[in-house]
Amino acid sequence: MRVLMLSAHGLPQSWLTLEEAVLYYAADDVRWTLGHPVALFRGGHNAVTGLQSVIEVHSIIGTRGVPRINPHALTPGLTNTKLFARDRNVCAYCGKLYDAAHLTREHIVPVCQQGRDHWMNLVTACKSCNHRKGPRTPEQARMPLLYAPYVPSIWEDFILRNRRILADQMEFLRMHVPKSSRLAQGDDHVSELENCIQA
């Protein structure tokens, strides 16, 4: 389980372990909290009052200080896991939904034609379609793309980074995701895409 750390202004900064999050509480660096309590840490007893110290950690915390991340200068790191999640595990050529083990990183403009390893030149493809397209562009292979690539926003990147996001964290992040994002459209969008392909 991870705690979503935000700047005081509400911009996502990091996914923290519970142990990292409690340090922000102990240092009095938590300015505000959202979401549900996810852990309770008990400390020592006060010598004067005899009361035990208790820190309740919430799933989302806003912290003091200057943000470490400028959202306008950020280009999310690219991994296959994040790419497949951005594209909802749907092949950009046949439109079918696959397990990650059957998917590949597909360069729209192939590397052999100076295509770059960048979000805007990559889509998710099943192994069969990737093999069939080979070292050609979609136009050369006569395999049109069913959806366009895009660079994820900072909000989308935080969703793509963490596999175990709590419901309240996901709700908070999705409120800020662009409406055009595939991550904002839910699982119904994947079903609609598959139905369009089959029709």
N, C-alpha and C. Protein backbone atom coordinates (compact mmCIF):
# COMPACT_ATOMS: atom_id res chain seq x y z
N MET A 1 0.83 -1.18 0.00
CA MET A 1 0.00 0.00 0.00
C MET A 1 0.88 1.24 0.00
N ARG A 2 0.48 2.25 -0.81
CA ARG A 2 1.23 3.50 -0.91
C ARG A 2 0.34 4.69 -0.57
N VAL A 3 0.96 5.72 -0.07
CA VAL A 3 0.28 6.97 0.24
C VAL A 3 0.61 7.96 -0.87
N LEU A 4 -0.40 8.65 -1.38
CA LEU A 4 -0.19 9.66 -2.42
C LEU A 4 0.20 10.97 -1.76
N MET A 5 1.44 11.41 -2.04
CA MET A 5 1.91 12.67 -1.48
C MET A 5 1.72 13.77 -2.50
N LEU A 6 1.08 14.87 -2.05
CA LEU A 6 0.85 16.03 -2.89
C LEU A 6 1.59 17.23 -2.33
N SER A 7 1.82 18.22 -3.19
CA SER A 7 2.35 19.49 -2.68
C SER A 7 1.23 20.21 -1.92
N ALA A 8 1.58 21.28 -1.26
CA ALA A 8 0.57 22.05 -0.53
C ALA A 8 -0.51 22.56 -1.47
N HIS A 9 -0.15 22.72 -2.75
CA HIS A 9 -1.10 23.22 -3.75
C HIS A 9 -1.86 22.09 -4.44
N GLY A 10 -1.60 20.85 -4.04
CA GLY A 10 -2.37 19.73 -4.58
C GLY A 10 -1.80 19.03 -5.78
N LEU A 11 -0.53 19.30 -6.14
CA LEU A 11 0.08 18.62 -7.28
C LEU A 11 0.76 17.33 -6.80
N PRO A 12 0.58 16.22 -7.53
CA PRO A 12 1.19 14.97 -7.08
C PRO A 12 2.71 15.04 -7.10
N GLN A 13 3.32 14.52 -6.04
CA GLN A 13 4.77 14.56 -5.89
C GLN A 13 5.40 13.17 -5.88
N SER A 14 4.75 12.23 -5.18
CA SER A 14 5.39 10.93 -5.00
C SER A 14 4.39 9.93 -4.44
N TRP A 15 4.69 8.64 -4.66
CA TRP A 15 4.01 7.56 -3.93
C TRP A 15 4.93 7.18 -2.78
N LEU A 16 4.42 7.23 -1.55
CA LEU A 16 5.23 6.94 -0.37
C LEU A 16 4.83 5.62 0.26
N THR A 17 5.79 4.95 0.86
CA THR A 17 5.45 3.81 1.71
C THR A 17 4.82 4.36 2.98
N LEU A 18 4.17 3.52 3.76
CA LEU A 18 3.59 3.97 5.03
C LEU A 18 4.67 4.52 5.95
N GLU A 19 5.82 3.86 5.95
CA GLU A 19 6.92 4.29 6.82
C GLU A 19 7.44 5.67 6.41
N GLU A 20 7.52 5.93 5.09
CA GLU A 20 7.95 7.25 4.62
C GLU A 20 6.90 8.30 4.98
N ALA A 21 5.64 7.96 4.81
CA ALA A 21 4.56 8.91 5.09
C ALA A 21 4.54 9.31 6.56
N VAL A 22 4.74 8.36 7.47
CA VAL A 22 4.67 8.68 8.90
C VAL A 22 5.79 9.64 9.29
N LEU A 23 6.90 9.63 8.57
CA LEU A 23 7.98 10.58 8.85
C LEU A 23 7.54 12.02 8.57
N TYR A 24 6.73 12.22 7.54
CA TYR A 24 6.20 13.56 7.26
C TYR A 24 5.28 14.02 8.38
N TYR A 25 4.46 13.08 8.89
CA TYR A 25 3.60 13.42 10.03
C TYR A 25 4.45 13.78 11.25
N ALA A 26 5.45 12.96 11.54
CA ALA A 26 6.29 13.16 12.73
C ALA A 26 7.04 14.48 12.67
N ALA A 27 7.43 14.89 11.45
CA ALA A 27 8.16 16.16 11.28
C ALA A 27 7.21 17.36 11.18
N ASP A 28 5.91 17.10 11.32
CA ASP A 28 4.88 18.14 11.22
C ASP A 28 4.90 18.81 9.84
N ASP A 29 5.19 18.01 8.81
CA ASP A 29 5.21 18.52 7.44
C ASP A 29 3.93 18.22 6.67
N VAL A 30 2.96 17.55 7.31
CA VAL A 30 1.69 17.28 6.65
C VAL A 30 0.77 18.48 6.91
N ARG A 31 0.40 19.15 5.81
CA ARG A 31 -0.41 20.36 5.93
C ARG A 31 -1.90 20.03 5.95
N TRP A 32 -2.30 19.02 5.18
CA TRP A 32 -3.70 18.60 5.13
C TRP A 32 -3.77 17.16 4.62
N THR A 33 -4.91 16.53 4.85
CA THR A 33 -5.10 15.14 4.42
C THR A 33 -6.42 15.00 3.69
N LEU A 34 -6.49 13.97 2.85
CA LEU A 34 -7.72 13.57 2.17
C LEU A 34 -7.82 12.06 2.25
N GLY A 35 -8.96 11.56 1.86
CA GLY A 35 -9.10 10.10 1.82
C GLY A 35 -9.28 9.51 3.20
N HIS A 36 -9.22 8.21 3.22
CA HIS A 36 -9.46 7.47 4.45
C HIS A 36 -8.16 7.19 5.20
N PRO A 37 -8.25 7.01 6.53
CA PRO A 37 -7.07 6.55 7.28
C PRO A 37 -6.69 5.14 6.81
N VAL A 38 -5.40 4.91 6.62
CA VAL A 38 -4.95 3.60 6.14
C VAL A 38 -4.02 2.90 7.12
N ALA A 39 -3.53 3.62 8.12
CA ALA A 39 -2.64 2.99 9.11
C ALA A 39 -2.62 3.83 10.38
N LEU A 40 -2.33 3.14 11.47
CA LEU A 40 -2.21 3.79 12.77
C LEU A 40 -0.87 3.38 13.38
N PHE A 41 -0.01 4.36 13.64
CA PHE A 41 1.29 4.09 14.24
C PHE A 41 1.27 4.56 15.70
N ARG A 42 1.72 3.70 16.61
CA ARG A 42 1.78 4.04 18.04
C ARG A 42 3.24 4.20 18.45
N GLY A 43 3.49 5.28 19.19
CA GLY A 43 4.85 5.55 19.63
C GLY A 43 5.00 5.40 21.13
N GLY A 44 5.93 6.17 21.68
CA GLY A 44 6.20 6.09 23.11
C GLY A 44 5.19 6.88 23.93
N HIS A 45 5.35 6.82 25.26
CA HIS A 45 4.46 7.51 26.19
C HIS A 45 5.10 8.82 26.65
N ASN A 46 4.30 9.86 26.74
CA ASN A 46 4.75 11.15 27.22
C ASN A 46 5.09 11.04 28.71
N ALA A 47 6.28 11.51 29.09
CA ALA A 47 6.72 11.40 30.48
C ALA A 47 5.85 12.21 31.44
N VAL A 48 5.28 13.31 30.95
CA VAL A 48 4.47 14.18 31.81
C VAL A 48 3.02 13.71 31.88
N THR A 49 2.42 13.49 30.71
CA THR A 49 0.99 13.15 30.67
C THR A 49 0.73 11.65 30.74
N GLY A 50 1.73 10.86 30.36
CA GLY A 50 1.55 9.41 30.33
C GLY A 50 0.81 8.93 29.09
N LEU A 51 0.41 9.89 28.22
CA LEU A 51 -0.31 9.51 26.99
C LEU A 51 0.63 8.96 25.93
N GLN A 52 0.16 7.96 25.22
CA GLN A 52 0.95 7.37 24.13
C GLN A 52 0.75 8.18 22.86
N SER A 53 1.84 8.42 22.13
CA SER A 53 1.71 9.15 20.86
C SER A 53 1.13 8.22 19.80
N VAL A 54 0.23 8.78 19.00
CA VAL A 54 -0.45 8.02 17.94
C VAL A 54 -0.45 8.87 16.68
N ILE A 55 -0.08 8.27 15.55
CA ILE A 55 -0.15 8.96 14.26
C ILE A 55 -1.05 8.15 13.34
N GLU A 56 -2.10 8.82 12.85
CA GLU A 56 -3.02 8.20 11.91
C GLU A 56 -2.64 8.68 10.51
N VAL A 57 -2.30 7.75 9.63
CA VAL A 57 -1.86 8.07 8.28
C VAL A 57 -3.04 7.94 7.32
N HIS A 58 -3.26 8.99 6.52
CA HIS A 58 -4.32 8.99 5.52
C HIS A 58 -3.77 8.58 4.16
N SER A 59 -4.65 8.21 3.24
CA SER A 59 -4.22 7.72 1.93
C SER A 59 -3.68 8.83 1.03
N ILE A 60 -4.06 10.08 1.31
CA ILE A 60 -3.58 11.23 0.53
C ILE A 60 -3.14 12.31 1.51
N ILE A 61 -1.91 12.81 1.33
CA ILE A 61 -1.42 13.87 2.21
C ILE A 61 -0.89 15.04 1.39
N GLY A 62 -1.18 16.24 1.87
CA GLY A 62 -0.59 17.46 1.30
C GLY A 62 0.52 17.92 2.22
N THR A 63 1.69 18.18 1.66
CA THR A 63 2.86 18.49 2.49
C THR A 63 3.33 19.93 2.32
N ARG A 64 4.05 20.37 3.31
CA ARG A 64 4.64 21.72 3.27
C ARG A 64 5.81 21.73 2.30
N GLY A 65 6.25 22.93 1.97
CA GLY A 65 7.46 23.07 1.18
C GLY A 65 7.18 23.29 -0.30
N VAL A 66 8.27 23.50 -1.02
CA VAL A 66 8.21 23.77 -2.46
C VAL A 66 8.12 22.45 -3.22
N PRO A 67 7.23 22.37 -4.21
CA PRO A 67 7.11 21.12 -4.97
C PRO A 67 8.42 20.71 -5.63
N ARG A 68 8.69 19.41 -5.62
CA ARG A 68 9.89 18.89 -6.28
C ARG A 68 9.65 18.67 -7.77
N ILE A 69 8.37 18.66 -8.18
CA ILE A 69 8.03 18.36 -9.57
C ILE A 69 7.30 19.54 -10.17
N ASN A 70 7.79 20.04 -11.31
CA ASN A 70 7.08 21.05 -12.08
C ASN A 70 6.25 20.30 -13.12
N PRO A 71 4.92 20.30 -13.00
CA PRO A 71 4.10 19.49 -13.89
C PRO A 71 4.20 19.88 -15.35
N HIS A 72 4.58 21.13 -15.62
CA HIS A 72 4.67 21.58 -17.01
C HIS A 72 5.98 21.18 -17.68
N ALA A 73 6.98 20.83 -16.87
CA ALA A 73 8.27 20.44 -17.43
C ALA A 73 8.46 18.92 -17.40
N LEU A 74 7.44 18.20 -17.00
CA LEU A 74 7.58 16.77 -16.79
C LEU A 74 7.22 15.97 -18.04
N THR A 75 8.12 15.08 -18.45
CA THR A 75 7.78 14.06 -19.44
C THR A 75 7.86 12.73 -18.71
N PRO A 76 6.74 12.03 -18.60
CA PRO A 76 6.74 10.78 -17.83
C PRO A 76 7.72 9.76 -18.38
N GLY A 77 8.37 9.04 -17.46
CA GLY A 77 9.24 7.95 -17.87
C GLY A 77 8.44 6.90 -18.62
N LEU A 78 9.08 6.26 -19.58
CA LEU A 78 8.39 5.31 -20.45
C LEU A 78 8.81 3.89 -20.14
N THR A 79 7.85 3.04 -19.80
CA THR A 79 8.07 1.61 -19.63
C THR A 79 6.96 0.88 -20.36
N ASN A 80 7.19 -0.39 -20.66
CA ASN A 80 6.13 -1.17 -21.31
C ASN A 80 4.89 -1.25 -20.43
N THR A 81 5.07 -1.41 -19.13
CA THR A 81 3.93 -1.50 -18.22
C THR A 81 3.07 -0.25 -18.31
N LYS A 82 3.72 0.93 -18.30
CA LYS A 82 2.97 2.18 -18.39
C LYS A 82 2.35 2.37 -19.77
N LEU A 83 3.06 1.98 -20.81
CA LEU A 83 2.53 2.08 -22.18
C LEU A 83 1.28 1.22 -22.34
N PHE A 84 1.36 -0.03 -21.90
CA PHE A 84 0.21 -0.94 -22.03
C PHE A 84 -0.98 -0.42 -21.20
N ALA A 85 -0.69 0.14 -20.02
CA ALA A 85 -1.76 0.68 -19.19
C ALA A 85 -2.39 1.92 -19.84
N ARG A 86 -1.55 2.78 -20.44
CA ARG A 86 -2.09 3.95 -21.15
C ARG A 86 -3.07 3.52 -22.23
N ASP A 87 -2.71 2.45 -22.95
CA ASP A 87 -3.52 1.97 -24.07
C ASP A 87 -4.54 0.92 -23.66
N ARG A 88 -4.68 0.71 -22.34
CA ARG A 88 -5.69 -0.19 -21.77
C ARG A 88 -5.54 -1.63 -22.26
N ASN A 89 -4.30 -2.03 -22.61
CA ASN A 89 -3.99 -3.40 -23.07
C ASN A 89 -4.72 -3.76 -24.37
N VAL A 90 -5.04 -2.74 -25.15
CA VAL A 90 -5.74 -2.95 -26.42
C VAL A 90 -4.76 -2.77 -27.57
N CYS A 91 -4.71 -3.72 -28.49
CA CYS A 91 -3.84 -3.63 -29.66
C CYS A 91 -4.32 -2.49 -30.55
N ALA A 92 -3.40 -1.65 -30.97
CA ALA A 92 -3.73 -0.48 -31.79
C ALA A 92 -4.11 -0.86 -33.22
N TYR A 93 -3.90 -2.11 -33.62
CA TYR A 93 -4.19 -2.53 -34.99
C TYR A 93 -5.41 -3.44 -35.10
N CYS A 94 -5.54 -4.42 -34.24
CA CYS A 94 -6.70 -5.33 -34.32
C CYS A 94 -7.79 -4.97 -33.33
N GLY A 95 -7.48 -4.13 -32.33
CA GLY A 95 -8.48 -3.67 -31.38
C GLY A 95 -8.86 -4.66 -30.31
N LYS A 96 -8.13 -5.76 -30.20
CA LYS A 96 -8.47 -6.76 -29.19
C LYS A 96 -7.74 -6.49 -27.89
N LEU A 97 -8.36 -6.93 -26.81
CA LEU A 97 -7.80 -6.78 -25.46
C LEU A 97 -6.94 -8.00 -25.15
N TYR A 98 -5.70 -7.78 -24.65
CA TYR A 98 -4.77 -8.87 -24.37
C TYR A 98 -4.18 -8.75 -22.97
N ASP A 99 -3.68 -9.87 -22.46
CA ASP A 99 -2.83 -9.84 -21.27
C ASP A 99 -1.49 -9.25 -21.66
N ALA A 100 -0.81 -8.65 -20.70
CA ALA A 100 0.47 -7.99 -20.98
C ALA A 100 1.49 -8.94 -21.61
N ALA A 101 1.43 -10.23 -21.28
CA ALA A 101 2.39 -11.20 -21.82
C ALA A 101 2.28 -11.36 -23.33
N HIS A 102 1.14 -10.97 -23.90
CA HIS A 102 0.91 -11.11 -25.35
C HIS A 102 1.03 -9.78 -26.08
N LEU A 103 1.54 -8.74 -25.39
CA LEU A 103 1.65 -7.42 -25.99
C LEU A 103 3.10 -7.02 -26.22
N THR A 104 3.29 -6.07 -27.13
CA THR A 104 4.63 -5.56 -27.44
C THR A 104 4.58 -4.04 -27.54
N ARG A 105 5.76 -3.44 -27.41
CA ARG A 105 5.94 -2.00 -27.65
C ARG A 105 6.10 -1.83 -29.15
N GLU A 106 5.18 -1.13 -29.78
CA GLU A 106 5.17 -0.98 -31.23
C GLU A 106 5.54 0.44 -31.64
N HIS A 107 6.59 0.56 -32.45
CA HIS A 107 7.01 1.86 -32.98
C HIS A 107 6.19 2.16 -34.24
N ILE A 108 5.45 3.25 -34.22
CA ILE A 108 4.63 3.62 -35.38
C ILE A 108 5.55 3.87 -36.58
N VAL A 109 6.52 4.76 -36.41
CA VAL A 109 7.59 4.90 -37.40
C VAL A 109 8.72 4.02 -36.89
N PRO A 110 9.04 2.94 -37.62
CA PRO A 110 10.04 1.99 -37.11
C PRO A 110 11.40 2.62 -36.83
N VAL A 111 12.12 2.02 -35.91
CA VAL A 111 13.46 2.50 -35.55
C VAL A 111 14.37 2.52 -36.77
N CYS A 112 14.22 1.52 -37.66
CA CYS A 112 15.06 1.46 -38.86
C CYS A 112 14.76 2.61 -39.84
N GLN A 113 13.64 3.32 -39.61
CA GLN A 113 13.30 4.51 -40.42
C GLN A 113 13.44 5.78 -39.57
N GLN A 114 14.30 5.74 -38.58
CA GLN A 114 14.58 6.85 -37.67
C GLN A 114 13.42 7.17 -36.73
N GLY A 115 12.57 6.20 -36.46
CA GLY A 115 11.51 6.38 -35.47
C GLY A 115 12.10 6.40 -34.07
N ARG A 116 11.58 7.28 -33.23
CA ARG A 116 12.14 7.43 -31.88
C ARG A 116 11.35 6.61 -30.87
N ASP A 117 12.02 6.30 -29.76
CA ASP A 117 11.41 5.58 -28.65
C ASP A 117 10.78 6.64 -27.74
N HIS A 118 9.61 7.15 -28.14
CA HIS A 118 8.96 8.26 -27.47
C HIS A 118 7.46 7.98 -27.41
N TRP A 119 6.79 8.53 -26.39
CA TRP A 119 5.36 8.30 -26.19
C TRP A 119 4.55 8.53 -27.48
N MET A 120 4.89 9.56 -28.25
CA MET A 120 4.10 9.91 -29.45
C MET A 120 4.40 9.00 -30.64
N ASN A 121 5.41 8.16 -30.54
CA ASN A 121 5.73 7.22 -31.62
C ASN A 121 5.47 5.78 -31.20
N LEU A 122 4.80 5.59 -30.06
CA LEU A 122 4.59 4.23 -29.56
C LEU A 122 3.12 3.96 -29.28
N VAL A 123 2.72 2.74 -29.61
CA VAL A 123 1.41 2.23 -29.25
C VAL A 123 1.59 0.79 -28.78
N THR A 124 0.54 0.25 -28.23
CA THR A 124 0.52 -1.14 -27.80
C THR A 124 0.04 -2.00 -28.96
N ALA A 125 0.73 -3.11 -29.20
CA ALA A 125 0.30 -4.02 -30.26
C ALA A 125 0.45 -5.46 -29.79
N CYS A 126 -0.44 -6.32 -30.26
CA CYS A 126 -0.29 -7.74 -29.97
C CYS A 126 0.90 -8.25 -30.78
N LYS A 127 1.45 -9.35 -30.37
CA LYS A 127 2.64 -9.90 -31.04
C LYS A 127 2.36 -10.21 -32.50
N SER A 128 1.17 -10.71 -32.80
CA SER A 128 0.81 -11.06 -34.17
C SER A 128 0.79 -9.83 -35.08
N CYS A 129 0.13 -8.77 -34.63
CA CYS A 129 0.06 -7.55 -35.44
C CYS A 129 1.43 -6.89 -35.57
N ASN A 130 2.22 -6.91 -34.50
CA ASN A 130 3.55 -6.33 -34.54
C ASN A 130 4.41 -7.07 -35.58
N HIS A 131 4.31 -8.38 -35.60
CA HIS A 131 5.07 -9.19 -36.56
C HIS A 131 4.60 -8.91 -37.99
N ARG A 132 3.27 -8.81 -38.16
CA ARG A 132 2.71 -8.58 -39.49
C ARG A 132 3.09 -7.20 -40.04
N LYS A 133 3.13 -6.20 -39.17
CA LYS A 133 3.50 -4.84 -39.60
C LYS A 133 4.98 -4.77 -39.95
N GLY A 134 5.81 -5.46 -39.16
CA GLY A 134 7.24 -5.50 -39.44
C GLY A 134 7.88 -4.12 -39.43
N PRO A 135 8.93 -3.92 -40.24
CA PRO A 135 9.66 -2.64 -40.23
C PRO A 135 9.03 -1.60 -41.17
N ARG A 136 7.70 -1.50 -41.14
CA ARG A 136 7.00 -0.54 -42.01
C ARG A 136 6.16 0.40 -41.15
N THR A 137 5.75 1.50 -41.74
CA THR A 137 4.80 2.39 -41.07
C THR A 137 3.41 1.78 -41.24
N PRO A 138 2.43 2.24 -40.47
CA PRO A 138 1.07 1.72 -40.65
C PRO A 138 0.55 1.90 -42.09
N GLU A 139 0.91 3.03 -42.71
CA GLU A 139 0.48 3.28 -44.08
C GLU A 139 1.12 2.28 -45.04
N GLN A 140 2.43 2.06 -44.86
CA GLN A 140 3.13 1.12 -45.74
C GLN A 140 2.60 -0.30 -45.57
N ALA A 141 2.21 -0.65 -44.35
CA ALA A 141 1.70 -2.00 -44.07
C ALA A 141 0.20 -2.12 -44.31
N ARG A 142 -0.46 -0.98 -44.61
CA ARG A 142 -1.93 -0.94 -44.76
C ARG A 142 -2.63 -1.47 -43.52
N MET A 143 -2.12 -1.00 -42.38
CA MET A 143 -2.68 -1.36 -41.08
C MET A 143 -2.95 -0.07 -40.31
N PRO A 144 -4.09 0.57 -40.54
CA PRO A 144 -4.36 1.86 -39.87
C PRO A 144 -4.47 1.72 -38.35
N LEU A 145 -4.00 2.76 -37.68
CA LEU A 145 -4.11 2.81 -36.22
C LEU A 145 -5.56 3.03 -35.81
N LEU A 146 -6.00 2.32 -34.78
CA LEU A 146 -7.36 2.46 -34.27
C LEU A 146 -7.47 3.57 -33.22
N TYR A 147 -6.34 3.97 -32.65
CA TYR A 147 -6.31 5.08 -31.71
C TYR A 147 -4.96 5.78 -31.82
N ALA A 148 -4.93 7.02 -31.38
CA ALA A 148 -3.71 7.84 -31.49
C ALA A 148 -2.90 7.77 -30.20
N PRO A 149 -1.59 7.85 -30.32
CA PRO A 149 -0.75 7.91 -29.11
C PRO A 149 -0.82 9.30 -28.49
N TYR A 150 -0.45 9.41 -27.22
CA TYR A 150 -0.36 10.71 -26.56
C TYR A 150 0.60 10.60 -25.38
N VAL A 151 1.08 11.75 -24.94
CA VAL A 151 1.96 11.81 -23.77
C VAL A 151 1.08 11.96 -22.53
N PRO A 152 1.18 11.05 -21.58
CA PRO A 152 0.34 11.15 -20.37
C PRO A 152 0.64 12.41 -19.57
N SER A 153 -0.40 12.96 -18.96
CA SER A 153 -0.23 14.11 -18.06
C SER A 153 0.40 13.63 -16.76
N ILE A 154 0.77 14.57 -15.90
CA ILE A 154 1.34 14.21 -14.59
C ILE A 154 0.35 13.36 -13.80
N TRP A 155 -0.95 13.66 -13.91
CA TRP A 155 -1.97 12.92 -13.17
C TRP A 155 -2.06 11.49 -13.69
N GLU A 156 -2.06 11.35 -15.03
CA GLU A 156 -2.10 10.01 -15.63
C GLU A 156 -0.86 9.21 -15.26
N ASP A 157 0.29 9.89 -15.25
CA ASP A 157 1.54 9.20 -14.92
C ASP A 157 1.49 8.61 -13.51
N PHE A 158 0.88 9.33 -12.57
CA PHE A 158 0.78 8.79 -11.21
C PHE A 158 -0.15 7.57 -11.16
N ILE A 159 -1.16 7.54 -12.02
CA ILE A 159 -2.01 6.36 -12.12
C ILE A 159 -1.22 5.21 -12.75
N LEU A 160 -0.45 5.50 -13.79
CA LEU A 160 0.31 4.47 -14.50
C LEU A 160 1.46 3.90 -13.66
N ARG A 161 1.96 4.67 -12.69
CA ARG A 161 3.10 4.23 -11.87
C ARG A 161 2.75 3.20 -10.82
N ASN A 162 1.52 3.20 -10.35
CA ASN A 162 1.17 2.40 -9.18
C ASN A 162 0.11 1.38 -9.54
N ARG A 163 0.37 0.11 -9.28
CA ARG A 163 -0.59 -0.94 -9.61
C ARG A 163 -1.69 -1.10 -8.58
N ARG A 164 -1.44 -0.66 -7.36
CA ARG A 164 -2.41 -0.85 -6.27
C ARG A 164 -2.87 0.50 -5.73
N ILE A 165 -3.73 1.14 -6.47
CA ILE A 165 -4.23 2.45 -6.07
C ILE A 165 -5.54 2.27 -5.33
N LEU A 166 -5.65 2.89 -4.17
CA LEU A 166 -6.89 2.81 -3.39
C LEU A 166 -7.99 3.61 -4.09
N ALA A 167 -9.23 3.27 -3.82
CA ALA A 167 -10.37 3.90 -4.51
C ALA A 167 -10.39 5.41 -4.33
N ASP A 168 -10.12 5.90 -3.12
CA ASP A 168 -10.15 7.35 -2.91
C ASP A 168 -8.99 8.05 -3.62
N GLN A 169 -7.84 7.39 -3.71
CA GLN A 169 -6.71 7.94 -4.45
C GLN A 169 -7.04 8.01 -5.94
N MET A 170 -7.64 6.92 -6.47
CA MET A 170 -7.99 6.89 -7.90
C MET A 170 -9.03 7.96 -8.21
N GLU A 171 -10.00 8.13 -7.33
CA GLU A 171 -11.02 9.14 -7.55
C GLU A 171 -10.38 10.53 -7.62
N PHE A 172 -9.44 10.81 -6.70
CA PHE A 172 -8.77 12.11 -6.68
C PHE A 172 -7.96 12.31 -7.96
N LEU A 173 -7.18 11.32 -8.37
CA LEU A 173 -6.35 11.45 -9.57
C LEU A 173 -7.21 11.59 -10.83
N ARG A 174 -8.26 10.80 -10.94
CA ARG A 174 -9.11 10.84 -12.14
C ARG A 174 -9.84 12.17 -12.29
N MET A 175 -10.08 12.87 -11.17
CA MET A 175 -10.73 14.19 -11.26
C MET A 175 -9.87 15.17 -12.06
N HIS A 176 -8.56 14.93 -12.11
CA HIS A 176 -7.64 15.86 -12.77
C HIS A 176 -7.15 15.36 -14.13
N VAL A 177 -7.50 14.14 -14.48
CA VAL A 177 -7.08 13.58 -15.76
C VAL A 177 -7.89 14.23 -16.88
N PRO A 178 -7.25 14.59 -18.00
CA PRO A 178 -8.00 15.18 -19.12
C PRO A 178 -9.14 14.26 -19.57
N LYS A 179 -10.27 14.85 -19.93
CA LYS A 179 -11.43 14.05 -20.32
C LYS A 179 -11.16 13.20 -21.56
N SER A 180 -10.21 13.61 -22.39
CA SER A 180 -9.86 12.86 -23.60
C SER A 180 -9.00 11.63 -23.31
N SER A 181 -8.51 11.52 -22.09
CA SER A 181 -7.62 10.42 -21.72
C SER A 181 -8.36 9.09 -21.72
N ARG A 182 -7.68 8.04 -22.19
CA ARG A 182 -8.27 6.70 -22.12
C ARG A 182 -8.40 6.25 -20.66
N LEU A 183 -7.57 6.78 -19.77
CA LEU A 183 -7.65 6.43 -18.35
C LEU A 183 -8.88 7.03 -17.69
N ALA A 184 -9.42 8.10 -18.26
CA ALA A 184 -10.61 8.73 -17.70
C ALA A 184 -11.89 8.08 -18.20
N GLN A 185 -11.79 7.31 -19.27
CA GLN A 185 -12.98 6.78 -19.92
C GLN A 185 -13.47 5.46 -19.36
N GLY A 186 -12.71 4.84 -18.49
CA GLY A 186 -13.16 3.62 -17.82
C GLY A 186 -13.16 2.40 -18.74
N ASP A 187 -13.57 1.27 -18.17
CA ASP A 187 -13.55 0.00 -18.89
C ASP A 187 -14.59 -0.07 -19.99
N ASP A 188 -15.66 0.74 -19.90
CA ASP A 188 -16.68 0.73 -20.95
C ASP A 188 -16.09 1.14 -22.28
N HIS A 189 -15.08 2.06 -22.26
CA HIS A 189 -14.45 2.51 -23.49
C HIS A 189 -13.77 1.35 -24.22
N VAL A 190 -13.13 0.45 -23.47
CA VAL A 190 -12.47 -0.70 -24.07
C VAL A 190 -13.51 -1.61 -24.73
N SER A 191 -14.63 -1.84 -24.06
CA SER A 191 -15.69 -2.67 -24.62
C SER A 191 -16.27 -2.06 -25.88
N GLU A 192 -16.46 -0.72 -25.87
CA GLU A 192 -16.98 -0.04 -27.05
C GLU A 192 -16.03 -0.18 -28.22
N LEU A 193 -14.72 -0.04 -27.96
CA LEU A 193 -13.73 -0.17 -29.02
C LEU A 193 -13.76 -1.58 -29.61
N GLU A 194 -13.82 -2.59 -28.75
CA GLU A 194 -13.88 -3.97 -29.24
C GLU A 194 -15.15 -4.20 -30.06
N ASN A 195 -16.28 -3.65 -29.62
CA ASN A 195 -17.54 -3.82 -30.35
C ASN A 195 -17.48 -3.15 -31.72
N CYS A 196 -16.84 -1.99 -31.81
CA CYS A 196 -16.70 -1.30 -33.09
C CYS A 196 -15.87 -2.12 -34.07
N ILE A 197 -14.83 -2.77 -33.56
CA ILE A 197 -13.96 -3.59 -34.42
C ILE A 197 -14.73 -4.78 -34.96
N GLN A 198 -15.56 -5.39 -34.09
CA GLN A 198 -16.28 -6.60 -34.48
C GLN A 198 -17.44 -6.30 -35.42
N ALA A 199 -17.96 -5.06 -35.37
CA ALA A 199 -19.14 -4.71 -36.18
C ALA A 199 -18.79 -4.61 -37.67
